[in-house]
């Protein structure tokens, strides 16, 4: 089996760059979502405190727990689709980790 070094370098470079950008963007998105959820909970707590609404905190925590548990499975399914091309996937995962740490 003959391996073209140019194609291999292209796969490694493209996978690494795309992985870095995906990891960076995901971390930024998760920060925005966390701030939004925090503001909503703060708003609900304030409105509950002054008597405008009554919040079922047990049900709310259950709903947030289910959403947090399903997020990793979605990420694994995306990563599973990338594994078809080994050099691309390896550099993508490495770039993803570096981008996630940097973001």
Protein backbone atom coordinates (compact mmCIF):
# COMPACT_ATOMS: atom_id res chain seq x y z
CA UNK A 1 0.00 0.00 0.00
CA UNK A 2 1.47 3.33 -1.10
CA UNK A 3 0.73 6.36 1.05
CA UNK A 4 0.84 9.82 -0.52
CA UNK A 5 2.66 12.08 1.98
CA UNK A 6 0.95 15.21 0.63
CA UNK A 7 -2.52 13.75 1.15
CA UNK A 8 -1.54 12.57 4.63
CA UNK A 9 -0.24 16.02 5.59
CA UNK A 10 -3.38 17.62 4.18
CA UNK A 11 -5.59 15.30 6.25
CA UNK A 12 -3.54 15.91 9.39
CA UNK A 13 -3.49 19.67 8.94
CA UNK A 14 -7.14 20.01 8.00
CA UNK A 15 -8.24 17.71 10.80
CA UNK A 16 -6.17 19.56 13.36
CA UNK A 17 -7.42 22.98 12.30
CA UNK A 18 -11.05 21.92 12.08
CA UNK A 19 -10.78 20.16 15.43
CA UNK A 20 -9.23 23.23 17.06
CA UNK A 21 -11.95 25.52 15.74
CA UNK A 22 -14.70 23.07 16.75
CA UNK A 23 -13.33 22.71 20.28
CA UNK A 24 -12.84 26.45 20.67
CA UNK A 25 -16.35 27.22 19.41
CA UNK A 26 -17.94 24.53 21.58
CA UNK A 27 -16.31 25.87 24.73
CA UNK A 28 -17.42 29.42 23.94
CA UNK A 29 -20.95 28.18 23.22
CA UNK A 30 -21.04 26.23 26.49
CA UNK A 31 -19.98 29.36 28.40
CA UNK A 32 -22.79 31.37 26.79
CA UNK A 33 -25.33 28.64 27.57
CA UNK A 34 -24.13 28.45 31.19
CA UNK A 35 -24.49 32.22 31.63
CA UNK A 36 -27.97 32.13 30.07
CA UNK A 37 -29.11 29.29 32.34
CA UNK A 38 -27.67 31.10 35.36
CA UNK A 39 -29.53 34.29 34.48
CA UNK A 40 -32.81 32.40 34.00
CA UNK A 41 -32.42 30.66 37.36
CA UNK A 42 -31.57 33.99 39.01
CA UNK A 43 -34.64 35.60 37.43
CA UNK A 44 -36.85 32.72 38.57
CA UNK A 45 -35.43 32.87 42.10
CA UNK A 46 -36.01 36.62 42.29
CA UNK A 47 -39.57 36.37 41.00
CA UNK A 48 -40.26 33.50 43.38
CA UNK A 49 -38.84 35.49 46.31
CA UNK A 50 -41.12 38.48 45.73
CA UNK A 51 -44.14 36.22 45.23
CA UNK A 52 -44.82 36.76 41.54
CA UNK A 53 -44.45 33.07 40.68
CA UNK A 54 -44.05 29.76 42.45
CA UNK A 55 -41.23 27.57 41.12
CA UNK A 56 -41.09 23.79 41.45
CA UNK A 57 -37.32 23.66 42.11
CA UNK A 58 -37.22 19.86 42.29
CA UNK A 59 -38.74 19.51 38.80
CA UNK A 60 -36.46 22.25 37.42
CA UNK A 61 -33.33 20.50 38.73
CA UNK A 62 -34.55 17.20 37.25
CA UNK A 63 -35.04 18.83 33.84
CA UNK A 64 -31.57 20.39 33.90
CA UNK A 65 -30.05 17.07 34.97
CA UNK A 66 -31.61 15.24 32.02
CA UNK A 67 -30.29 17.87 29.59
CA UNK A 68 -26.80 17.66 31.08
CA UNK A 69 -26.80 13.86 30.85
CA UNK A 70 -27.80 13.79 27.17
CA UNK A 71 -25.14 16.26 25.97
CA UNK A 72 -22.16 13.84 26.08
CA UNK A 73 -23.99 11.22 24.03
CA UNK A 74 -24.59 13.79 21.28
CA UNK A 75 -20.89 14.66 21.30
CA UNK A 76 -19.90 10.97 21.08
CA UNK A 77 -22.15 10.44 18.07
CA UNK A 78 -20.50 13.35 16.25
CA UNK A 79 -17.04 12.11 17.15
CA UNK A 80 -18.00 8.60 15.99
CA UNK A 81 -18.80 9.92 12.53
CA UNK A 82 -15.33 11.48 12.28
CA UNK A 83 -13.47 8.25 13.10
CA UNK A 84 -13.86 6.88 9.55
CA UNK A 85 -10.63 8.54 8.38
CA UNK A 86 -7.96 7.69 10.96
CA UNK A 87 -5.34 10.41 10.26
CA UNK A 88 -8.03 13.08 9.97
CA UNK A 89 -9.82 11.83 13.08
CA UNK A 90 -6.65 11.66 15.15
CA UNK A 91 -5.60 15.18 14.33
CA UNK A 92 -9.21 16.38 14.69
CA UNK A 93 -9.44 14.98 18.22
CA UNK A 94 -6.08 16.47 19.18
CA UNK A 95 -7.07 19.84 17.70
CA UNK A 96 -10.45 19.63 19.42
CA UNK A 97 -8.84 19.07 22.81
CA UNK A 98 -6.39 21.94 22.28
CA UNK A 99 -9.14 24.26 21.07
CA UNK A 100 -11.36 23.34 24.01
CA UNK A 101 -8.53 24.04 26.45
CA UNK A 102 -7.70 27.35 24.74
CA UNK A 103 -11.32 28.55 24.54
